[in-house]
Amino acid sequence: METYIQAFCEYRKEKKQVSDNTRLAYRSDLTRMVSHLRNNGVTSFEQVTETQLNSFILSAEREGLKASSIVRLISSIHNFFDFLTKKGVLKDDPAERIKAPKAEQAQQEIISVNELETLLSAPETDTPKGLRDRAMLELLYATGIHLNTLLSLKISQVHLRYKVLFVSVGDQNRVLPLGQPACEALEAYLEQGREALMKQNSDPDLLFYNKAGEEMTRQGFFKRITEYAKKAGLPNITPRILRNSMVHHMMCNGASYAGVHQLLGTKRLSAAMNFERQTQTIPDMYKQAHPRA
């Protein structure tokens, strides 16, 4: 059973380019699962049932594992059994109907860095739509821009050479830094996906096209991100949750509240935050604090 776990971890590293921390988290979660299964007489993954997986998750909850860790555990299980099914090791996926706890779905306003990386690796990047969706998710988390801004982006606003994105919201013109993963996802989409989605009557400057070669609707994007959240074993994810998560992750890495909101272009700050002294430029703060800079 450990052989399959090793193969899965190597696959996630090579094909999905997950971080070492995420790979270690996968290994820890799956090793914990295997220990539980063996204690209950299961010696191969072919024997695993949905009931046994639910029993394992319930036992983890009884042991006091916090809700966010349970969500990550379920994500690891989903990804692992999806891998075994696609590789032909299993005929049916016993984890297909397992969901995150309802209470966590209702309460969760941010996701962890590991959960974020699981979500970002959910799109299949061997299709034009998958390349587009990966680039869109990376851009949302990299910049914290609002969904309407993302959907209407023009290709002329992206400058990969300088790793920046130009956006205009109202009377604000802003230059936002882009991390390497976002740049790589955008480059892959521009080289291998965008032209395949473009139609004869498409706006030639629009960055992201839907299947009709037009600007994607909010409903269309929410449908896609919901599918990826389900695939990753996560509660429902929204652009606001990605934005909140970016703020939280950057502040955990030492960025100031005022500095992050300056990056986001937020106008309203409390008096206390306005008095906070800024000693770093936005690019410097971004490189220091953003998990995917």
C-alpha atoms as a PDB file:
ATOM      1  CA  MET A   1       0.000   0.000   0.000  1.00  0.00           C
ATOM      2  CA  GLU A   2       2.942   2.292   0.700  1.00  0.00           C
ATOM      3  CA  THR A   3       4.113   1.751  -2.888  1.00  0.00           C
ATOM      4  CA  TYR A   4       0.955   3.374  -4.223  1.00  0.00           C
ATOM      5  CA  ILE A   5       1.291   6.264  -1.775  1.00  0.00           C
ATOM      6  CA  GLN A   6       4.846   6.836  -2.985  1.00  0.00           C
ATOM      7  CA  ALA A   7       3.725   6.717  -6.629  1.00  0.00           C
ATOM      8  CA  PHE A   8       0.930   9.196  -5.886  1.00  0.00           C
ATOM      9  CA  CYS A   9       3.268  11.628  -4.131  1.00  0.00           C
ATOM     10  CA  GLU A  10       5.729  11.476  -7.020  1.00  0.00           C
ATOM     11  CA  TYR A  11       2.890  12.055  -9.501  1.00  0.00           C
ATOM     12  CA  ARG A  12       1.659  15.131  -7.601  1.00  0.00           C
ATOM     13  CA  LYS A  13       5.202  16.505  -7.528  1.00  0.00           C
ATOM     14  CA  GLU A  14       6.054  15.876 -11.178  1.00  0.00           C
ATOM     15  CA  LYS A  15       2.693  16.427 -12.907  1.00  0.00           C
ATOM     16  CA  LYS A  16       0.939  18.871 -10.577  1.00  0.00           C
ATOM     17  CA  GLN A  17       4.062  20.637  -9.287  1.00  0.00           C
ATOM     18  CA  VAL A  18       2.849  20.722  -5.678  1.00  0.00           C
ATOM     19  CA  SER A  19       5.200  21.995  -3.004  1.00  0.00           C
ATOM     20  CA  ASP A  20       7.269  19.730  -0.753  1.00  0.00           C
ATOM     21  CA  ASN A  21       5.058  20.734   2.194  1.00  0.00           C
ATOM     22  CA  THR A  22       1.928  19.660   0.355  1.00  0.00           C
ATOM     23  CA  ARG A  23       3.542  16.380  -0.649  1.00  0.00           C
ATOM     24  CA  LEU A  24       4.524  15.701   2.981  1.00  0.00           C
ATOM     25  CA  ALA A  25       0.961  16.519   4.059  1.00  0.00           C
ATOM     26  CA  TYR A  26      -0.388  14.000   1.530  1.00  0.00           C
ATOM     27  CA  ARG A  27       1.995  11.336   2.803  1.00  0.00           C
ATOM     28  CA  SER A  28       1.099  12.025   6.437  1.00  0.00           C
ATOM     29  CA  ASP A  29      -2.654  11.892   5.775  1.00  0.00           C
ATOM     30  CA  LEU A  30      -2.483   8.739   3.660  1.00  0.00           C
ATOM     31  CA  THR A  31      -0.139   6.943   6.062  1.00  0.00           C
ATOM     32  CA  ARG A  32      -2.605   7.711   8.836  1.00  0.00           C
ATOM     33  CA  MET A  33      -5.410   6.283   6.700  1.00  0.00           C
ATOM     34  CA  VAL A  34      -3.490   3.106   5.897  1.00  0.00           C
ATOM     35  CA  SER A  35      -2.761   2.551   9.601  1.00  0.00           C
ATOM     36  CA  HIS A  36      -6.462   2.810  10.391  1.00  0.00           C
ATOM     37  CA  LEU A  37      -7.420   0.482   7.536  1.00  0.00           C
ATOM     38  CA  ARG A  38      -4.910  -2.170   8.573  1.00  0.00           C
ATOM     39  CA  ASN A  39      -6.121  -2.014  12.162  1.00  0.00           C
ATOM     40  CA  ASN A  40      -9.525  -2.900  10.760  1.00  0.00           C
ATOM     41  CA  GLY A  41      -8.363  -5.818   8.629  1.00  0.00           C
ATOM     42  CA  VAL A  42      -7.977  -4.032   5.273  1.00  0.00           C
ATOM     43  CA  THR A  43      -4.742  -5.021   3.546  1.00  0.00           C
ATOM     44  CA  SER A  44      -5.212  -3.633   0.010  1.00  0.00           C
ATOM     45  CA  PHE A  45      -6.858  -0.607  -1.554  1.00  0.00           C
ATOM     46  CA  GLU A  46      -9.097  -2.899  -3.613  1.00  0.00           C
ATOM     47  CA  GLN A  47     -10.857  -3.784  -0.355  1.00  0.00           C
ATOM     48  CA  VAL A  48     -11.559  -0.204   0.681  1.00  0.00           C
ATOM     49  CA  THR A  49     -15.203   0.884   0.824  1.00  0.00           C
ATOM     50  CA  GLU A  50     -16.919   4.225   1.320  1.00  0.00           C
ATOM     51  CA  THR A  51     -18.059   3.060   4.753  1.00  0.00           C
ATOM     52  CA  GLN A  52     -14.502   2.307   5.834  1.00  0.00           C
ATOM     53  CA  LEU A  53     -13.310   5.737   4.708  1.00  0.00           C
ATOM     54  CA  ASN A  54     -16.146   7.438   6.585  1.00  0.00           C
ATOM     55  CA  SER A  55     -15.208   5.399   9.641  1.00  0.00           C
ATOM     56  CA  PHE A  56     -11.621   6.613   9.365  1.00  0.00           C
ATOM     57  CA  ILE A  57     -12.720  10.259   9.093  1.00  0.00           C
ATOM     58  CA  LEU A  58     -15.029   9.881  12.108  1.00  0.00           C
ATOM     59  CA  SER A  59     -12.198   8.357  14.124  1.00  0.00           C
ATOM     60  CA  ALA A  60      -9.972  11.317  13.236  1.00  0.00           C
ATOM     61  CA  GLU A  61     -12.715  13.684  14.428  1.00  0.00           C
ATOM     62  CA  ARG A  62     -13.062  11.765  17.709  1.00  0.00           C
ATOM     63  CA  GLU A  63      -9.310  12.041  18.219  1.00  0.00           C
ATOM     64  CA  GLY A  64      -9.713  15.826  18.223  1.00  0.00           C
ATOM     65  CA  LEU A  65      -8.396  16.670  14.766  1.00  0.00           C
ATOM     66  CA  LYS A  66      -9.514  20.232  14.027  1.00  0.00           C
ATOM     67  CA  ALA A  67     -12.017  20.932  11.274  1.00  0.00           C
ATOM     68  CA  SER A  68      -9.495  22.447   8.845  1.00  0.00           C
ATOM     69  CA  SER A  69      -7.296  19.351   9.202  1.00  0.00           C
ATOM     70  CA  ILE A  70     -10.315  17.120   8.529  1.00  0.00           C
ATOM     71  CA  VAL A  71     -10.962  19.076   5.344  1.00  0.00           C
ATOM     72  CA  ARG A  72      -7.347  18.568   4.275  1.00  0.00           C
ATOM     73  CA  LEU A  73      -7.592  14.862   5.156  1.00  0.00           C
ATOM     74  CA  ILE A  74     -10.646  14.467   2.943  1.00  0.00           C
ATOM     75  CA  SER A  75      -8.876  16.350   0.152  1.00  0.00           C
ATOM     76  CA  SER A  76      -5.926  13.949   0.364  1.00  0.00           C
ATOM     77  CA  ILE A  77      -8.281  10.960   0.242  1.00  0.00           C
ATOM     78  CA  HIS A  78     -10.156  12.326  -2.781  1.00  0.00           C
ATOM     79  CA  ASN A  79      -6.993  13.032  -4.737  1.00  0.00           C
ATOM     80  CA  PHE A  80      -5.420   9.688  -3.868  1.00  0.00           C
ATOM     81  CA  PHE A  81      -8.372   7.474  -4.845  1.00  0.00           C
ATOM     82  CA  ASP A  82      -8.995   9.554  -7.953  1.00  0.00           C
ATOM     83  CA  PHE A  83      -5.356   8.819  -8.869  1.00  0.00           C
ATOM     84  CA  LEU A  84      -5.796   5.062  -8.273  1.00  0.00           C
ATOM     85  CA  THR A  85      -8.991   5.013 -10.338  1.00  0.00           C
ATOM     86  CA  LYS A  86      -7.486   6.891 -13.281  1.00  0.00           C
ATOM     87  CA  LYS A  87      -4.426   4.612 -13.217  1.00  0.00           C
ATOM     88  CA  GLY A  88      -6.691   1.548 -13.427  1.00  0.00           C
ATOM     89  CA  VAL A  89      -5.730   0.194 -10.007  1.00  0.00           C
ATOM     90  CA  LEU A  90      -9.370   0.504  -8.908  1.00  0.00           C
ATOM     91  CA  LYS A  91     -12.531   0.155 -10.986  1.00  0.00           C
ATOM     92  CA  ASP A  92     -14.613   2.421  -8.755  1.00  0.00           C
ATOM     93  CA  ASP A  93     -13.674   5.353  -6.531  1.00  0.00           C
ATOM     94  CA  PRO A  94     -14.781   4.650  -2.922  1.00  0.00           C
ATOM     95  CA  ALA A  95     -14.164   8.290  -1.961  1.00  0.00           C
ATOM     96  CA  GLU A  96     -16.325   9.821  -4.681  1.00  0.00           C
ATOM     97  CA  ARG A  97     -19.281  10.715  -2.414  1.00  0.00           C
ATOM     98  CA  ILE A  98     -17.354  11.693   0.701  1.00  0.00           C
ATOM     99  CA  LYS A  99     -17.830  15.360   1.607  1.00  0.00           C
ATOM    100  CA  ALA A 100     -16.293  17.827   4.029  1.00  0.00           C
ATOM    101  CA  PRO A 101     -18.178  18.413   7.311  1.00  0.00           C
ATOM    102  CA  LYS A 102     -21.208  20.683   6.805  1.00  0.00           C
ATOM    103  CA  ALA A 103     -20.282  22.883   9.739  1.00  0.00           C
ATOM    104  CA  GLU A 104     -16.908  23.589   8.187  1.00  0.00           C
ATOM    105  CA  GLN A 105     -18.515  24.383   4.858  1.00  0.00           C
ATOM    106  CA  ALA A 106     -20.654  27.041   6.496  1.00  0.00           C
ATOM    107  CA  GLN A 107     -17.935  28.598   8.638  1.00  0.00           C
ATOM    108  CA  GLN A 108     -14.809  28.507   6.558  1.00  0.00           C
ATOM    109  CA  GLU A 109     -13.854  31.953   5.251  1.00  0.00           C
ATOM    110  CA  ILE A 110     -10.219  31.157   4.413  1.00  0.00           C
ATOM    111  CA  ILE A 111      -8.299  28.087   3.332  1.00  0.00           C
ATOM    112  CA  SER A 112      -4.815  27.010   4.320  1.00  0.00           C
ATOM    113  CA  VAL A 113      -1.821  27.229   1.996  1.00  0.00           C
ATOM    114  CA  ASN A 114      -1.905  23.447   1.552  1.00  0.00           C
ATOM    115  CA  GLU A 115      -5.613  23.525   0.711  1.00  0.00           C
ATOM    116  CA  LEU A 116      -4.976  26.405  -1.661  1.00  0.00           C
ATOM    117  CA  GLU A 117      -2.319  24.421  -3.505  1.00  0.00           C
ATOM    118  CA  THR A 118      -4.686  21.454  -3.732  1.00  0.00           C
ATOM    119  CA  LEU A 119      -7.330  23.682  -5.303  1.00  0.00           C
ATOM    120  CA  LEU A 120      -4.863  25.233  -7.751  1.00  0.00           C
ATOM    121  CA  SER A 121      -3.684  21.822  -8.892  1.00  0.00           C
ATOM    122  CA  ALA A 122      -7.256  20.578  -9.524  1.00  0.00           C
ATOM    123  CA  PRO A 123      -7.584  21.807 -13.160  1.00  0.00           C
ATOM    124  CA  GLU A 124      -6.264  19.325 -15.709  1.00  0.00           C
ATOM    125  CA  THR A 125      -3.621  21.303 -17.571  1.00  0.00           C
ATOM    126  CA  ASP A 126      -3.662  19.082 -20.656  1.00  0.00           C
ATOM    127  CA  THR A 127      -6.745  20.872 -22.026  1.00  0.00           C
ATOM    128  CA  PRO A 128      -7.265  24.520 -23.087  1.00  0.00           C
ATOM    129  CA  LYS A 129     -10.057  24.962 -20.503  1.00  0.00           C
ATOM    130  CA  GLY A 130      -7.906  23.478 -17.772  1.00  0.00           C
ATOM    131  CA  LEU A 131      -5.017  25.790 -18.658  1.00  0.00           C
ATOM    132  CA  ARG A 132      -7.409  28.748 -18.628  1.00  0.00           C
ATOM    133  CA  ASP A 133      -8.933  27.793 -15.288  1.00  0.00           C
ATOM    134  CA  ARG A 134      -5.548  27.221 -13.652  1.00  0.00           C
ATOM    135  CA  ALA A 135      -4.383  30.641 -14.853  1.00  0.00           C
ATOM    136  CA  MET A 136      -7.569  32.322 -13.594  1.00  0.00           C
ATOM    137  CA  LEU A 137      -7.315  30.751 -10.148  1.00  0.00           C
ATOM    138  CA  GLU A 138      -3.627  31.601  -9.898  1.00  0.00           C
ATOM    139  CA  LEU A 139      -4.356  35.208 -10.867  1.00  0.00           C
ATOM    140  CA  LEU A 140      -7.136  35.549  -8.293  1.00  0.00           C
ATOM    141  CA  TYR A 141      -4.919  34.345  -5.472  1.00  0.00           C
ATOM    142  CA  ALA A 142      -1.821  36.162  -6.714  1.00  0.00           C
ATOM    143  CA  THR A 143      -3.472  39.574  -6.900  1.00  0.00           C
ATOM    144  CA  GLY A 144      -6.687  39.534  -4.877  1.00  0.00           C
ATOM    145  CA  ILE A 145      -8.548  41.256  -7.720  1.00  0.00           C
ATOM    146  CA  HIS A 146     -12.333  41.069  -7.859  1.00  0.00           C
ATOM    147  CA  LEU A 147     -14.039  38.583 -10.145  1.00  0.00           C
ATOM    148  CA  ASN A 148     -15.484  41.207 -12.502  1.00  0.00           C
ATOM    149  CA  THR A 149     -11.989  42.600 -13.004  1.00  0.00           C
ATOM    150  CA  LEU A 150     -10.590  39.122 -13.686  1.00  0.00           C
ATOM    151  CA  LEU A 151     -13.267  38.261 -16.258  1.00  0.00           C
ATOM    152  CA  SER A 152     -12.791  41.490 -18.228  1.00  0.00           C
ATOM    153  CA  LEU A 153      -8.978  41.482 -18.281  1.00  0.00           C
ATOM    154  CA  LYS A 154      -7.313  42.278 -21.579  1.00  0.00           C
ATOM    155  CA  ILE A 155      -4.163  40.593 -22.792  1.00  0.00           C
ATOM    156  CA  SER A 156      -2.542  44.030 -23.020  1.00  0.00           C
ATOM    157  CA  GLN A 157      -2.809  44.333 -19.230  1.00  0.00           C
ATOM    158  CA  VAL A 158      -0.486  41.364 -18.666  1.00  0.00           C
ATOM    159  CA  HIS A 159       3.268  41.959 -18.757  1.00  0.00           C
ATOM    160  CA  LEU A 160       4.955  38.651 -18.018  1.00  0.00           C
ATOM    161  CA  ARG A 161       8.417  39.992 -18.745  1.00  0.00           C
ATOM    162  CA  TYR A 162       8.132  42.307 -15.754  1.00  0.00           C
ATOM    163  CA  LYS A 163       5.822  39.974 -13.777  1.00  0.00           C
ATOM    164  CA  VAL A 164       3.100  42.578 -13.342  1.00  0.00           C
ATOM    165  CA  LEU A 165      -0.576  43.061 -14.081  1.00  0.00           C
ATOM    166  CA  PHE A 166      -2.060  46.490 -14.882  1.00  0.00           C
ATOM    167  CA  VAL A 167      -5.603  47.033 -13.595  1.00  0.00           C
ATOM    168  CA  SER A 168      -7.942  50.031 -13.599  1.00  0.00           C
ATOM    169  CA  VAL A 169     -10.824  50.178 -11.138  1.00  0.00           C
ATOM    170  CA  GLY A 170     -12.763  53.429 -11.160  1.00  0.00           C
ATOM    171  CA  ASP A 171     -10.211  56.238 -11.046  1.00  0.00           C
ATOM    172  CA  GLN A 172      -7.461  53.921  -9.796  1.00  0.00           C
ATOM    173  CA  ASN A 173      -4.672  52.692 -12.040  1.00  0.00           C
ATOM    174  CA  ARG A 174      -2.606  50.065 -10.286  1.00  0.00           C
ATOM    175  CA  VAL A 175       0.356  47.843 -11.061  1.00  0.00           C
ATOM    176  CA  LEU A 176       0.148  44.507  -9.278  1.00  0.00           C
ATOM    177  CA  PRO A 177       3.090  42.114  -8.863  1.00  0.00           C
ATOM    178  CA  LEU A 178       2.702  38.538 -10.072  1.00  0.00           C
ATOM    179  CA  GLY A 179       4.421  35.560  -8.497  1.00  0.00           C
ATOM    180  CA  GLN A 180       6.249  32.930 -10.525  1.00  0.00           C
ATOM    181  CA  PRO A 181       3.449  30.296 -10.380  1.00  0.00           C
ATOM    182  CA  ALA A 182       0.921  32.818 -11.727  1.00  0.00           C
ATOM    183  CA  CYS A 183       3.307  33.856 -14.500  1.00  0.00           C
ATOM    184  CA  GLU A 184       3.948  30.242 -15.456  1.00  0.00           C
ATOM    185  CA  ALA A 185       0.230  29.431 -15.503  1.00  0.00           C
ATOM    186  CA  LEU A 186      -0.503  32.477 -17.649  1.00  0.00           C
ATOM    187  CA  GLU A 187       2.335  31.688 -20.027  1.00  0.00           C
ATOM    188  CA  ALA A 188       1.113  28.105 -20.449  1.00  0.00           C
ATOM    189  CA  TYR A 189      -2.432  29.319 -21.137  1.00  0.00           C
ATOM    190  CA  LEU A 190      -1.291  31.957 -23.639  1.00  0.00           C
ATOM    191  CA  GLU A 191       0.932  29.498 -25.499  1.00  0.00           C
ATOM    192  CA  GLN A 192      -1.260  26.395 -25.449  1.00  0.00           C
ATOM    193  CA  GLY A 193      -4.840  27.280 -24.503  1.00  0.00           C
ATOM    194  CA  ARG A 194      -6.037  30.745 -25.457  1.00  0.00           C
ATOM    195  CA  GLU A 195      -5.924  30.382 -29.237  1.00  0.00           C
ATOM    196  CA  ALA A 196      -7.868  27.107 -29.054  1.00  0.00           C
ATOM    197  CA  LEU A 197     -10.708  28.896 -27.224  1.00  0.00           C
ATOM    198  CA  MET A 198     -10.747  31.953 -29.510  1.00  0.00           C
ATOM    199  CA  LYS A 199     -13.472  32.095 -32.173  1.00  0.00           C
ATOM    200  CA  GLN A 200     -13.688  34.090 -35.407  1.00  0.00           C
ATOM    201  CA  ASN A 201     -15.710  36.896 -33.815  1.00  0.00           C
ATOM    202  CA  SER A 202     -13.855  36.933 -30.462  1.00  0.00           C
ATOM    203  CA  ASP A 203     -12.443  40.134 -29.002  1.00  0.00           C
ATOM    204  CA  PRO A 204      -8.743  39.690 -29.926  1.00  0.00           C
ATOM    205  CA  ASP A 205      -7.601  41.514 -26.776  1.00  0.00           C
ATOM    206  CA  LEU A 206      -9.731  39.609 -24.255  1.00  0.00           C
ATOM    207  CA  LEU A 207      -7.554  37.475 -21.993  1.00  0.00           C
ATOM    208  CA  PHE A 208      -9.937  34.689 -20.956  1.00  0.00           C
ATOM    209  CA  TYR A 209     -12.547  33.159 -23.285  1.00  0.00           C
ATOM    210  CA  ASN A 210     -15.433  30.826 -22.524  1.00  0.00           C
ATOM    211  CA  LYS A 211     -16.325  27.936 -24.832  1.00  0.00           C
ATOM    212  CA  ALA A 212     -18.171  30.353 -27.130  1.00  0.00           C
ATOM    213  CA  GLY A 213     -15.090  32.546 -27.471  1.00  0.00           C
ATOM    214  CA  GLU A 214     -16.695  35.304 -25.395  1.00  0.00           C
ATOM    215  CA  GLU A 215     -16.123  36.800 -21.947  1.00  0.00           C
ATOM    216  CA  MET A 216     -16.918  34.262 -19.247  1.00  0.00           C
ATOM    217  CA  THR A 217     -19.928  35.047 -17.062  1.00  0.00           C
ATOM    218  CA  ARG A 218     -19.833  35.142 -13.271  1.00  0.00           C
ATOM    219  CA  GLN A 219     -22.130  32.127 -13.213  1.00  0.00           C
ATOM    220  CA  GLY A 220     -19.820  30.243 -15.548  1.00  0.00           C
ATOM    221  CA  PHE A 221     -16.798  30.932 -13.386  1.00  0.00           C
ATOM    222  CA  PHE A 222     -18.599  29.986 -10.161  1.00  0.00           C
ATOM    223  CA  LYS A 223     -19.597  26.697 -11.759  1.00  0.00           C
ATOM    224  CA  ARG A 224     -15.966  25.953 -12.601  1.00  0.00           C
ATOM    225  CA  ILE A 225     -14.528  26.891  -9.218  1.00  0.00           C
ATOM    226  CA  THR A 226     -17.249  24.875  -7.453  1.00  0.00           C
ATOM    227  CA  GLU A 227     -16.309  21.811  -9.495  1.00  0.00           C
ATOM    228  CA  TYR A 228     -12.633  22.217  -8.596  1.00  0.00           C
ATOM    229  CA  ALA A 229     -13.407  22.707  -4.906  1.00  0.00           C
ATOM    230  CA  LYS A 230     -15.452  19.498  -4.933  1.00  0.00           C
ATOM    231  CA  LYS A 231     -12.667  17.656  -6.747  1.00  0.00           C
ATOM    232  CA  ALA A 232     -10.161  18.907  -4.162  1.00  0.00           C
ATOM    233  CA  GLY A 233     -12.388  17.798  -1.296  1.00  0.00           C
ATOM    234  CA  LEU A 234     -12.836  21.375  -0.080  1.00  0.00           C
ATOM    235  CA  PRO A 235     -15.894  23.331   1.057  1.00  0.00           C
ATOM    236  CA  ASN A 236     -17.434  25.683  -1.457  1.00  0.00           C
ATOM    237  CA  ILE A 237     -14.776  28.176  -2.578  1.00  0.00           C
ATOM    238  CA  THR A 238     -15.481  31.701  -3.811  1.00  0.00           C
ATOM    239  CA  PRO A 239     -13.235  34.482  -5.140  1.00  0.00           C
ATOM    240  CA  ARG A 240     -13.793  36.287  -1.825  1.00  0.00           C
ATOM    241  CA  ILE A 241     -12.417  33.296   0.076  1.00  0.00           C
ATOM    242  CA  LEU A 242      -9.326  33.287  -2.157  1.00  0.00           C
ATOM    243  CA  ARG A 243      -8.895  37.012  -1.551  1.00  0.00           C
ATOM    244  CA  ASN A 244      -9.341  36.613   2.226  1.00  0.00           C
ATOM    245  CA  SER A 245      -6.912  33.692   2.213  1.00  0.00           C
ATOM    246  CA  MET A 246      -4.278  35.723   0.386  1.00  0.00           C
ATOM    247  CA  VAL A 247      -4.573  38.494   3.000  1.00  0.00           C
ATOM    248  CA  HIS A 248      -4.356  36.007   5.866  1.00  0.00           C
ATOM    249  CA  HIS A 249      -1.401  34.119   4.409  1.00  0.00           C
ATOM    250  CA  MET A 250       0.563  37.302   3.716  1.00  0.00           C
ATOM    251  CA  MET A 251      -0.033  38.661   7.202  1.00  0.00           C
ATOM    252  CA  CYS A 252       1.040  35.328   8.692  1.00  0.00           C
ATOM    253  CA  ASN A 253       4.274  35.777   6.725  1.00  0.00           C
ATOM    254  CA  GLY A 254       4.914  39.215   8.204  1.00  0.00           C
ATOM    255  CA  ALA A 255       3.082  41.635   5.909  1.00  0.00           C
ATOM    256  CA  SER A 256       1.313  44.506   7.660  1.00  0.00           C
ATOM    257  CA  TYR A 257      -2.452  44.908   7.489  1.00  0.00           C
ATOM    258  CA  ALA A 258      -2.135  48.355   5.943  1.00  0.00           C
ATOM    259  CA  GLY A 259       0.448  47.134   3.438  1.00  0.00           C
ATOM    260  CA  VAL A 260      -1.762  44.292   2.222  1.00  0.00           C
ATOM    261  CA  HIS A 261      -4.729  46.582   1.824  1.00  0.00           C
ATOM    262  CA  GLN A 262      -2.591  49.029  -0.097  1.00  0.00           C
ATOM    263  CA  LEU A 263      -1.791  46.136  -2.422  1.00  0.00           C
ATOM    264  CA  LEU A 264      -5.494  45.384  -2.770  1.00  0.00           C
ATOM    265  CA  GLY A 265      -6.370  49.018  -3.401  1.00  0.00           C
ATOM    266  CA  THR A 266      -8.716  49.181  -0.415  1.00  0.00           C
ATOM    267  CA  LYS A 267      -9.604  52.763   0.411  1.00  0.00           C
ATOM    268  CA  ARG A 268     -11.093  52.295   3.857  1.00  0.00           C
ATOM    269  CA  LEU A 269      -8.642  51.630   6.671  1.00  0.00           C
ATOM    270  CA  SER A 270      -9.152  52.225  10.352  1.00  0.00           C
ATOM    271  CA  ALA A 271      -7.393  55.214  11.931  1.00  0.00           C
ATOM    272  CA  ALA A 272      -5.007  52.859  13.674  1.00  0.00           C
ATOM    273  CA  MET A 273      -4.022  51.271  10.385  1.00  0.00           C
ATOM    274  CA  ASN A 274      -3.549  54.650   8.717  1.00  0.00           C
ATOM    275  CA  PHE A 275      -0.948  55.542  11.332  1.00  0.00           C
ATOM    276  CA  GLU A 276       0.970  52.317  10.774  1.00  0.00           C
ATOM    277  CA  ARG A 277       4.322  53.171   9.263  1.00  0.00           C
ATOM    278  CA  GLN A 278       5.122  51.606   5.921  1.00  0.00           C
ATOM    279  CA  THR A 279       8.798  50.843   5.397  1.00  0.00           C
ATOM    280  CA  GLN A 280       8.538  48.492   2.417  1.00  0.00           C
ATOM    281  CA  THR A 281       7.492  48.979  -1.176  1.00  0.00           C
ATOM    282  CA  ILE A 282       4.645  46.827  -2.479  1.00  0.00           C
ATOM    283  CA  PRO A 283       6.981  44.607  -4.599  1.00  0.00           C
ATOM    284  CA  ASP A 284       9.295  44.027  -1.626  1.00  0.00           C
ATOM    285  CA  MET A 285       6.422  43.171   0.691  1.00  0.00           C
ATOM    286  CA  TYR A 286       4.909  40.871  -1.934  1.00  0.00           C
ATOM    287  CA  LYS A 287       8.141  38.925  -2.431  1.00  0.00           C
ATOM    288  CA  GLN A 288       8.615  38.564   1.308  1.00  0.00           C
ATOM    289  CA  ALA A 289       5.087  37.636   2.333  1.00  0.00           C
ATOM    290  CA  HIS A 290       3.091  36.112  -0.539  1.00  0.00           C
ATOM    291  CA  PRO A 291       3.249  32.272  -0.422  1.00  0.00           C
ATOM    292  CA  ARG A 292       3.355  32.083  -4.222  1.00  0.00           C
ATOM    293  CA  ALA A 293       5.578  35.074  -4.973  1.00  0.00           C
END
